[in-house]
Amino acid sequence: MIRPILTQLALFVAPFAAYAAFLWATRAGVFHPASWPLATVAWLSVSATILVAGSFVLLASFSGVPAGSAYVPAHMENGRLVPGQAR
């Protein structure tokens, strides 16, 4: 469960990190408040939210089991634990 959370967090932080790298490359002062105006932070937040929402859509569309399949929970067969699976 931690991997999807870290993936979404990384996608949200990516625009801010790219802007910070841009500021660092142009020697504009990454930690100076004037380098982070409210309009820029708002655009970075919007783009980060779009990245996260897009990744949710892609994750829902291209992962998981095929439509119409049924989940068979984990069970015991002949004294062996058979893991759950979709059929």
PDB file of N, CA and C in Angstrom:
ATOM      1  N   MET A   1       0.816  -1.191   0.000  1.00  0.00           N
ATOM      2  CA  MET A   1       0.000   0.000   0.000  1.00  0.00           C
ATOM      3  C   MET A   1       0.866   1.264   0.000  1.00  0.00           C
ATOM      4  N   ILE A   2       2.072   1.144   0.485  1.00  0.00           N
ATOM      5  CA  ILE A   2       2.923   2.328   0.562  1.00  0.00           C
ATOM      6  C   ILE A   2       3.399   2.772  -0.817  1.00  0.00           C
ATOM      7  N   ARG A   3       3.577   1.827  -1.748  1.00  0.00           N
ATOM      8  CA  ARG A   3       4.068   2.187  -3.083  1.00  0.00           C
ATOM      9  C   ARG A   3       3.101   3.091  -3.839  1.00  0.00           C
ATOM     10  N   PRO A   4       1.801   2.817  -3.883  1.00  0.00           N
ATOM     11  CA  PRO A   4       0.901   3.752  -4.568  1.00  0.00           C
ATOM     12  C   PRO A   4       0.869   5.134  -3.913  1.00  0.00           C
ATOM     13  N   ILE A   5       0.958   5.166  -2.600  1.00  0.00           N
ATOM     14  CA  ILE A   5       0.952   6.453  -1.902  1.00  0.00           C
ATOM     15  C   ILE A   5       2.210   7.239  -2.244  1.00  0.00           C
ATOM     16  N   LEU A   6       3.361   6.578  -2.227  1.00  0.00           N
ATOM     17  CA  LEU A   6       4.607   7.264  -2.573  1.00  0.00           C
ATOM     18  C   LEU A   6       4.629   7.691  -4.041  1.00  0.00           C
ATOM     19  N   THR A   7       4.033   6.895  -4.912  1.00  0.00           N
ATOM     20  CA  THR A   7       3.959   7.268  -6.327  1.00  0.00           C
ATOM     21  C   THR A   7       3.129   8.533  -6.505  1.00  0.00           C
ATOM     22  N   GLN A   8       1.978   8.591  -5.862  1.00  0.00           N
ATOM     23  CA  GLN A   8       1.124   9.778  -5.976  1.00  0.00           C
ATOM     24  C   GLN A   8       1.791  10.995  -5.342  1.00  0.00           C
ATOM     25  N   LEU A   9       2.465  10.784  -4.228  1.00  0.00           N
ATOM     26  CA  LEU A   9       3.179  11.886  -3.585  1.00  0.00           C
ATOM     27  C   LEU A   9       4.306  12.408  -4.483  1.00  0.00           C
ATOM     28  N   ALA A  10       5.028  11.496  -5.118  1.00  0.00           N
ATOM     29  CA  ALA A  10       6.112  11.905  -6.020  1.00  0.00           C
ATOM     30  C   ALA A  10       5.560  12.674  -7.221  1.00  0.00           C
ATOM     31  N   LEU A  11       4.415  12.235  -7.748  1.00  0.00           N
ATOM     32  CA  LEU A  11       3.807  12.951  -8.867  1.00  0.00           C
ATOM     33  C   LEU A  11       3.331  14.343  -8.457  1.00  0.00           C
ATOM     34  N   PHE A  12       2.864  14.475  -7.220  1.00  0.00           N
ATOM     35  CA  PHE A  12       2.415  15.785  -6.759  1.00  0.00           C
ATOM     36  C   PHE A  12       3.594  16.726  -6.523  1.00  0.00           C
ATOM     37  N   VAL A  13       4.696  16.199  -6.020  1.00  0.00           N
ATOM     38  CA  VAL A  13       5.859  17.025  -5.698  1.00  0.00           C
ATOM     39  C   VAL A  13       6.679  17.354  -6.940  1.00  0.00           C
ATOM     40  N   ALA A  14       6.551  16.591  -8.017  1.00  0.00           N
ATOM     41  CA  ALA A  14       7.380  16.751  -9.214  1.00  0.00           C
ATOM     42  C   ALA A  14       7.364  18.162  -9.804  1.00  0.00           C
ATOM     43  N   PRO A  15       6.210  18.820  -9.986  1.00  0.00           N
ATOM     44  CA  PRO A  15       6.259  20.181 -10.541  1.00  0.00           C
ATOM     45  C   PRO A  15       6.988  21.167  -9.639  1.00  0.00           C
ATOM     46  N   PHE A  16       6.819  21.025  -8.335  1.00  0.00           N
ATOM     47  CA  PHE A  16       7.514  21.910  -7.399  1.00  0.00           C
ATOM     48  C   PHE A  16       9.021  21.672  -7.443  1.00  0.00           C
ATOM     49  N   ALA A  17       9.418  20.409  -7.537  1.00  0.00           N
ATOM     50  CA  ALA A  17      10.841  20.088  -7.632  1.00  0.00           C
ATOM     51  C   ALA A  17      11.434  20.591  -8.941  1.00  0.00           C
ATOM     52  N   ALA A  18      10.678  20.491 -10.025  1.00  0.00           N
ATOM     53  CA  ALA A  18      11.166  20.989 -11.311  1.00  0.00           C
ATOM     54  C   ALA A  18      11.323  22.508 -11.275  1.00  0.00           C
ATOM     55  N   TYR A  19      10.386  23.207 -10.650  1.00  0.00           N
ATOM     56  CA  TYR A  19      10.493  24.664 -10.537  1.00  0.00           C
ATOM     57  C   TYR A  19      11.671  25.043  -9.641  1.00  0.00           C
ATOM     58  N   ALA A  20      11.864  24.300  -8.549  1.00  0.00           N
ATOM     59  CA  ALA A  20      13.006  24.567  -7.678  1.00  0.00           C
ATOM     60  C   ALA A  20      14.315  24.321  -8.422  1.00  0.00           C
ATOM     61  N   ALA A  21      14.375  23.287  -9.245  1.00  0.00           N
ATOM     62  CA  ALA A  21      15.576  23.027 -10.047  1.00  0.00           C
ATOM     63  C   ALA A  21      15.802  24.154 -11.054  1.00  0.00           C
ATOM     64  N   PHE A  22      14.716  24.664 -11.640  1.00  0.00           N
ATOM     65  CA  PHE A  22      14.827  25.803 -12.552  1.00  0.00           C
ATOM     66  C   PHE A  22      15.374  27.027 -11.827  1.00  0.00           C
ATOM     67  N   LEU A  23      14.844  27.293 -10.632  1.00  0.00           N
ATOM     68  CA  LEU A  23      15.339  28.429  -9.859  1.00  0.00           C
ATOM     69  C   LEU A  23      16.811  28.249  -9.504  1.00  0.00           C
ATOM     70  N   TRP A  24      17.176  27.046  -9.138  1.00  0.00           N
ATOM     71  CA  TRP A  24      18.564  26.777  -8.785  1.00  0.00           C
ATOM     72  C   TRP A  24      19.471  26.952  -9.995  1.00  0.00           C
ATOM     73  N   ALA A  25      19.019  26.491 -11.164  1.00  0.00           N
ATOM     74  CA  ALA A  25      19.827  26.597 -12.384  1.00  0.00           C
ATOM     75  C   ALA A  25      19.998  28.049 -12.820  1.00  0.00           C
ATOM     76  N   THR A  26      18.986  28.875 -12.581  1.00  0.00           N
ATOM     77  CA  THR A  26      19.094  30.284 -12.965  1.00  0.00           C
ATOM     78  C   THR A  26      19.640  31.148 -11.839  1.00  0.00           C
ATOM     79  N   ARG A  27      19.991  30.519 -10.743  1.00  0.00           N
ATOM     80  CA  ARG A  27      20.547  31.206  -9.570  1.00  0.00           C
ATOM     81  C   ARG A  27      19.608  32.315  -9.075  1.00  0.00           C
ATOM     82  N   ALA A  28      18.327  32.004  -9.041  1.00  0.00           N
ATOM     83  CA  ALA A  28      17.324  32.994  -8.654  1.00  0.00           C
ATOM     84  C   ALA A  28      16.999  32.952  -7.167  1.00  0.00           C
ATOM     85  N   GLY A  29      17.585  32.079  -6.415  1.00  0.00           N
ATOM     86  CA  GLY A  29      17.296  31.996  -4.984  1.00  0.00           C
ATOM     87  C   GLY A  29      16.106  31.105  -4.705  1.00  0.00           C
ATOM     88  N   VAL A  30      16.370  29.830  -4.544  1.00  0.00           N
ATOM     89  CA  VAL A  30      15.303  28.846  -4.355  1.00  0.00           C
ATOM     90  C   VAL A  30      14.506  29.123  -3.082  1.00  0.00           C
ATOM     91  N   PHE A  31      15.167  29.561  -2.018  1.00  0.00           N
ATOM     92  CA  PHE A  31      14.491  29.749  -0.735  1.00  0.00           C
ATOM     93  C   PHE A  31      14.012  31.180  -0.512  1.00  0.00           C
ATOM     94  N   HIS A  32      14.196  32.030  -1.491  1.00  0.00           N
ATOM     95  CA  HIS A  32      13.746  33.414  -1.354  1.00  0.00           C
ATOM     96  C   HIS A  32      12.249  33.482  -1.632  1.00  0.00           C
ATOM     97  N   PRO A  33      11.467  34.068  -0.727  1.00  0.00           N
ATOM     98  CA  PRO A  33      10.005  34.111  -0.922  1.00  0.00           C
ATOM     99  C   PRO A  33       9.569  34.813  -2.212  1.00  0.00           C
ATOM    100  N   ALA A  34      10.350  35.750  -2.693  1.00  0.00           N
ATOM    101  CA  ALA A  34       9.973  36.438  -3.929  1.00  0.00           C
ATOM    102  C   ALA A  34      10.046  35.522  -5.143  1.00  0.00           C
ATOM    103  N   SER A  35      10.777  34.413  -5.036  1.00  0.00           N
ATOM    104  CA  SER A  35      10.883  33.458  -6.134  1.00  0.00           C
ATOM    105  C   SER A  35       9.667  32.542  -6.233  1.00  0.00           C
ATOM    106  N   TRP A  36       8.817  32.574  -5.210  1.00  0.00           N
ATOM    107  CA  TRP A  36       7.633  31.710  -5.163  1.00  0.00           C
ATOM    108  C   TRP A  36       6.366  32.558  -5.037  1.00  0.00           C
ATOM    109  N   PRO A  37       6.035  33.358  -6.063  1.00  0.00           N
ATOM    110  CA  PRO A  37       4.802  34.162  -5.970  1.00  0.00           C
ATOM    111  C   PRO A  37       3.571  33.255  -5.941  1.00  0.00           C
ATOM    112  N   LEU A  38       2.497  33.809  -5.411  1.00  0.00           N
ATOM    113  CA  LEU A  38       1.260  33.031  -5.233  1.00  0.00           C
ATOM    114  C   LEU A  38       0.736  32.481  -6.560  1.00  0.00           C
ATOM    115  N   ALA A  39       0.832  33.249  -7.620  1.00  0.00           N
ATOM    116  CA  ALA A  39       0.346  32.777  -8.925  1.00  0.00           C
ATOM    117  C   ALA A  39       1.145  31.563  -9.400  1.00  0.00           C
ATOM    118  N   THR A  40       2.442  31.582  -9.199  1.00  0.00           N
ATOM    119  CA  THR A  40       3.285  30.453  -9.600  1.00  0.00           C
ATOM    120  C   THR A  40       2.972  29.212  -8.766  1.00  0.00           C
ATOM    121  N   VAL A  41       2.812  29.399  -7.478  1.00  0.00           N
ATOM    122  CA  VAL A  41       2.470  28.268  -6.603  1.00  0.00           C
ATOM    123  C   VAL A  41       1.098  27.709  -6.969  1.00  0.00           C
ATOM    124  N   ALA A  42       0.171  28.585  -7.335  1.00  0.00           N
ATOM    125  CA  ALA A  42      -1.159  28.118  -7.744  1.00  0.00           C
ATOM    126  C   ALA A  42      -1.066  27.286  -9.019  1.00  0.00           C
ATOM    127  N   TRP A  43      -0.298  27.754 -10.024  1.00  0.00           N
ATOM    128  CA  TRP A  43      -0.148  26.978 -11.256  1.00  0.00           C
ATOM    129  C   TRP A  43       0.559  25.658 -10.996  1.00  0.00           C
ATOM    130  N   LEU A  44       1.544  25.662 -10.127  1.00  0.00           N
ATOM    131  CA  LEU A  44       2.225  24.405  -9.790  1.00  0.00           C
ATOM    132  C   LEU A  44       1.266  23.443  -9.091  1.00  0.00           C
ATOM    133  N   SER A  45       0.417  23.966  -8.226  1.00  0.00           N
ATOM    134  CA  SER A  45      -0.561  23.112  -7.533  1.00  0.00           C
ATOM    135  C   SER A  45      -1.580  22.537  -8.507  1.00  0.00           C
ATOM    136  N   VAL A  46      -2.032  23.346  -9.441  1.00  0.00           N
ATOM    137  CA  VAL A  46      -2.994  22.863 -10.445  1.00  0.00           C
ATOM    138  C   VAL A  46      -2.352  21.778 -11.302  1.00  0.00           C
ATOM    139  N   SER A  47      -1.124  22.019 -11.761  1.00  0.00           N
ATOM    140  CA  SER A  47      -0.459  21.003 -12.594  1.00  0.00           C
ATOM    141  C   SER A  47      -0.172  19.735 -11.801  1.00  0.00           C
ATOM    142  N   ALA A  48       0.168  19.865 -10.527  1.00  0.00           N
ATOM    143  CA  ALA A  48       0.400  18.684  -9.699  1.00  0.00           C
ATOM    144  C   ALA A  48      -0.888  17.894  -9.509  1.00  0.00           C
ATOM    145  N   THR A  49      -1.991  18.597  -9.299  1.00  0.00           N
ATOM    146  CA  THR A  49      -3.282  17.920  -9.137  1.00  0.00           C
ATOM    147  C   THR A  49      -3.698  17.221 -10.424  1.00  0.00           C
ATOM    148  N   ILE A  50      -3.446  17.836 -11.573  1.00  0.00           N
ATOM    149  CA  ILE A  50      -3.752  17.199 -12.854  1.00  0.00           C
ATOM    150  C   ILE A  50      -2.902  15.945 -13.052  1.00  0.00           C
ATOM    151  N   LEU A  51      -1.621  16.003 -12.680  1.00  0.00           N
ATOM    152  CA  LEU A  51      -0.767  14.812 -12.776  1.00  0.00           C
ATOM    153  C   LEU A  51      -1.294  13.667 -11.916  1.00  0.00           C
ATOM    154  N   VAL A  52      -1.675  13.987 -10.691  1.00  0.00           N
ATOM    155  CA  VAL A  52      -2.184  12.948  -9.781  1.00  0.00           C
ATOM    156  C   VAL A  52      -3.508  12.385 -10.294  1.00  0.00           C
ATOM    157  N   ALA A  53      -4.422  13.247 -10.723  1.00  0.00           N
ATOM    158  CA  ALA A  53      -5.712  12.777 -11.237  1.00  0.00           C
ATOM    159  C   ALA A  53      -5.520  11.932 -12.490  1.00  0.00           C
ATOM    160  N   GLY A  54      -4.618  12.366 -13.371  1.00  0.00           N
ATOM    161  CA  GLY A  54      -4.335  11.570 -14.571  1.00  0.00           C
ATOM    162  C   GLY A  54      -3.759  10.214 -14.243  1.00  0.00           C
ATOM    163  N   SER A  55      -2.908  10.163 -13.233  1.00  0.00           N
ATOM    164  CA  SER A  55      -2.343   8.860 -12.864  1.00  0.00           C
ATOM    165  C   SER A  55      -3.409   7.949 -12.254  1.00  0.00           C
ATOM    166  N   PHE A  56      -4.367   8.536 -11.519  1.00  0.00           N
ATOM    167  CA  PHE A  56      -5.470   7.724 -10.998  1.00  0.00           C
ATOM    168  C   PHE A  56      -6.296   7.137 -12.139  1.00  0.00           C
ATOM    169  N   VAL A  57      -6.560   7.937 -13.157  1.00  0.00           N
ATOM    170  CA  VAL A  57      -7.332   7.458 -14.308  1.00  0.00           C
ATOM    171  C   VAL A  57      -6.576   6.351 -15.030  1.00  0.00           C
ATOM    172  N   LEU A  58      -5.287   6.560 -15.273  1.00  0.00           N
ATOM    173  CA  LEU A  58      -4.483   5.531 -15.942  1.00  0.00           C
ATOM    174  C   LEU A  58      -4.388   4.264 -15.108  1.00  0.00           C
ATOM    175  N   LEU A  59      -4.231   4.414 -13.811  1.00  0.00           N
ATOM    176  CA  LEU A  59      -4.154   3.249 -12.929  1.00  0.00           C
ATOM    177  C   LEU A  59      -5.465   2.463 -12.960  1.00  0.00           C
ATOM    178  N   ALA A  60      -6.581   3.166 -12.930  1.00  0.00           N
ATOM    179  CA  ALA A  60      -7.875   2.489 -12.964  1.00  0.00           C
ATOM    180  C   ALA A  60      -8.148   1.845 -14.317  1.00  0.00           C
ATOM    181  N   SER A  61      -7.633   2.437 -15.391  1.00  0.00           N
ATOM    182  CA  SER A  61      -7.916   1.926 -16.731  1.00  0.00           C
ATOM    183  C   SER A  61      -7.040   0.742 -17.117  1.00  0.00           C
ATOM    184  N   PHE A  62      -5.788   0.761 -16.717  1.00  0.00           N
ATOM    185  CA  PHE A  62      -4.839  -0.218 -17.234  1.00  0.00           C
ATOM    186  C   PHE A  62      -4.280  -1.179 -16.200  1.00  0.00           C
ATOM    187  N   SER A  63      -4.856  -1.247 -15.030  1.00  0.00           N
ATOM    188  CA  SER A  63      -4.376  -2.220 -14.048  1.00  0.00           C
ATOM    189  C   SER A  63      -5.566  -2.984 -13.483  1.00  0.00           C
ATOM    190  N   GLY A  64      -5.263  -3.979 -12.747  1.00  0.00           N
ATOM    191  CA  GLY A  64      -6.327  -4.776 -12.151  1.00  0.00           C
ATOM    192  C   GLY A  64      -6.674  -5.986 -12.999  1.00  0.00           C
ATOM    193  N   VAL A  65      -7.745  -6.614 -12.644  1.00  0.00           N
ATOM    194  CA  VAL A  65      -8.183  -7.822 -13.324  1.00  0.00           C
ATOM    195  C   VAL A  65      -9.140  -7.465 -14.454  1.00  0.00           C
ATOM    196  N   PRO A  66      -9.302  -8.356 -15.407  1.00  0.00           N
ATOM    197  CA  PRO A  66     -10.230  -8.090 -16.507  1.00  0.00           C
ATOM    198  C   PRO A  66     -11.677  -7.957 -16.011  1.00  0.00           C
ATOM    199  N   ALA A  67     -12.460  -7.217 -16.752  1.00  0.00           N
ATOM    200  CA  ALA A  67     -13.868  -7.033 -16.396  1.00  0.00           C
ATOM    201  C   ALA A  67     -14.599  -8.367 -16.459  1.00  0.00           C
ATOM    202  N   GLY A  68     -15.486  -8.570 -15.528  1.00  0.00           N
ATOM    203  CA  GLY A  68     -16.286  -9.784 -15.508  1.00  0.00           C
ATOM    204  C   GLY A  68     -15.640 -10.950 -14.773  1.00  0.00           C
ATOM    205  N   SER A  69     -14.433 -10.785 -14.284  1.00  0.00           N
ATOM    206  CA  SER A  69     -13.787 -11.878 -13.566  1.00  0.00           C
ATOM    207  C   SER A  69     -14.261 -11.888 -12.118  1.00  0.00           C
ATOM    208  N   ALA A  70     -14.186 -13.043 -11.515  1.00  0.00           N
ATOM    209  CA  ALA A  70     -14.630 -13.217 -10.132  1.00  0.00           C
ATOM    210  C   ALA A  70     -13.418 -13.484  -9.236  1.00  0.00           C
ATOM    211  N   TYR A  71     -13.447 -12.945  -8.028  1.00  0.00           N
ATOM    212  CA  TYR A  71     -12.359 -13.138  -7.076  1.00  0.00           C
ATOM    213  C   TYR A  71     -12.612 -14.404  -6.275  1.00  0.00           C
ATOM    214  N   VAL A  72     -11.614 -15.262  -6.224  1.00  0.00           N
ATOM    215  CA  VAL A  72     -11.669 -16.469  -5.406  1.00  0.00           C
ATOM    216  C   VAL A  72     -10.736 -16.229  -4.233  1.00  0.00           C
ATOM    217  N   PRO A  73     -11.275 -16.150  -2.999  1.00  0.00           N
ATOM    218  CA  PRO A  73     -10.421 -15.851  -1.852  1.00  0.00           C
ATOM    219  C   PRO A  73      -9.452 -16.986  -1.548  1.00  0.00           C
ATOM    220  N   ALA A  74      -8.447 -16.672  -0.743  1.00  0.00           N
ATOM    221  CA  ALA A  74      -7.485 -17.692  -0.328  1.00  0.00           C
ATOM    222  C   ALA A  74      -8.218 -18.811   0.408  1.00  0.00           C
ATOM    223  N   HIS A  75      -7.786 -20.028   0.152  1.00  0.00           N
ATOM    224  CA  HIS A  75      -8.430 -21.183   0.779  1.00  0.00           C
ATOM    225  C   HIS A  75      -7.423 -22.322   0.911  1.00  0.00           C
ATOM    226  N   MET A  76      -7.843 -23.355   1.633  1.00  0.00           N
ATOM    227  CA  MET A  76      -6.992 -24.532   1.838  1.00  0.00           C
ATOM    228  C   MET A  76      -7.421 -25.638   0.889  1.00  0.00           C
ATOM    229  N   GLU A  77      -6.444 -26.245   0.191  1.00  0.00           N
ATOM    230  CA  GLU A  77      -6.677 -27.411  -0.658  1.00  0.00           C
ATOM    231  C   GLU A  77      -5.634 -28.459  -0.304  1.00  0.00           C
ATOM    232  N   ASN A  78      -6.091 -29.608   0.153  1.00  0.00           N
ATOM    233  CA  ASN A  78      -5.211 -30.713   0.516  1.00  0.00           C
ATOM    234  C   ASN A  78      -4.130 -30.276   1.505  1.00  0.00           C
ATOM    235  N   GLY A  79      -4.508 -29.465   2.474  1.00  0.00           N
ATOM    236  CA  GLY A  79      -3.571 -29.018   3.490  1.00  0.00           C
ATOM    237  C   GLY A  79      -2.614 -27.929   3.035  1.00  0.00           C
ATOM    238  N   ARG A  80      -2.838 -27.382   1.852  1.00  0.00           N
ATOM    239  CA  ARG A  80      -1.978 -26.317   1.312  1.00  0.00           C
ATOM    240  C   ARG A  80      -2.792 -25.042   1.180  1.00  0.00           C
ATOM    241  N   LEU A  81      -2.165 -23.912   1.504  1.00  0.00           N
ATOM    242  CA  LEU A  81      -2.829 -22.634   1.352  1.00  0.00           C
ATOM    243  C   LEU A  81      -2.688 -22.173  -0.097  1.00  0.00           C
ATOM    244  N   VAL A  82      -3.834 -21.969  -0.744  1.00  0.00           N
ATOM    245  CA  VAL A  82      -3.869 -21.481  -2.116  1.00  0.00           C
ATOM    246  C   VAL A  82      -4.200 -19.988  -2.050  1.00  0.00           C
ATOM    247  N   PRO A  83      -3.326 -19.127  -2.571  1.00  0.00           N
ATOM    248  CA  PRO A  83      -3.597 -17.676  -2.468  1.00  0.00           C
ATOM    249  C   PRO A  83      -4.817 -17.275  -3.279  1.00  0.00           C
ATOM    250  N   GLY A  84      -5.400 -16.149  -2.901  1.00  0.00           N
ATOM    251  CA  GLY A  84      -6.549 -15.626  -3.618  1.00  0.00           C
ATOM    252  C   GLY A  84      -6.159 -15.189  -5.020  1.00  0.00           C
ATOM    253  N   GLN A  85      -7.111 -15.297  -5.932  1.00  0.00           N
ATOM    254  CA  GLN A  85      -6.848 -14.919  -7.313  1.00  0.00           C
ATOM    255  C   GLN A  85      -8.149 -14.577  -8.023  1.00  0.00           C
ATOM    256  N   ALA A  86      -8.030 -13.900  -9.141  1.00  0.00           N
ATOM    257  CA  ALA A  86      -9.190 -13.570  -9.968  1.00  0.00           C
ATOM    258  C   ALA A  86      -9.286 -14.573 -11.098  1.00  0.00           C
ATOM    259  N   ARG A  87     -10.490 -15.049 -11.334  1.00  0.00           N
ATOM    260  CA  ARG A  87     -10.705 -16.028 -12.415  1.00  0.00           C
ATOM    261  C   ARG A  87     -11.764 -15.519 -13.348  1.00  0.00           C
TER     262      ARG A  87
END
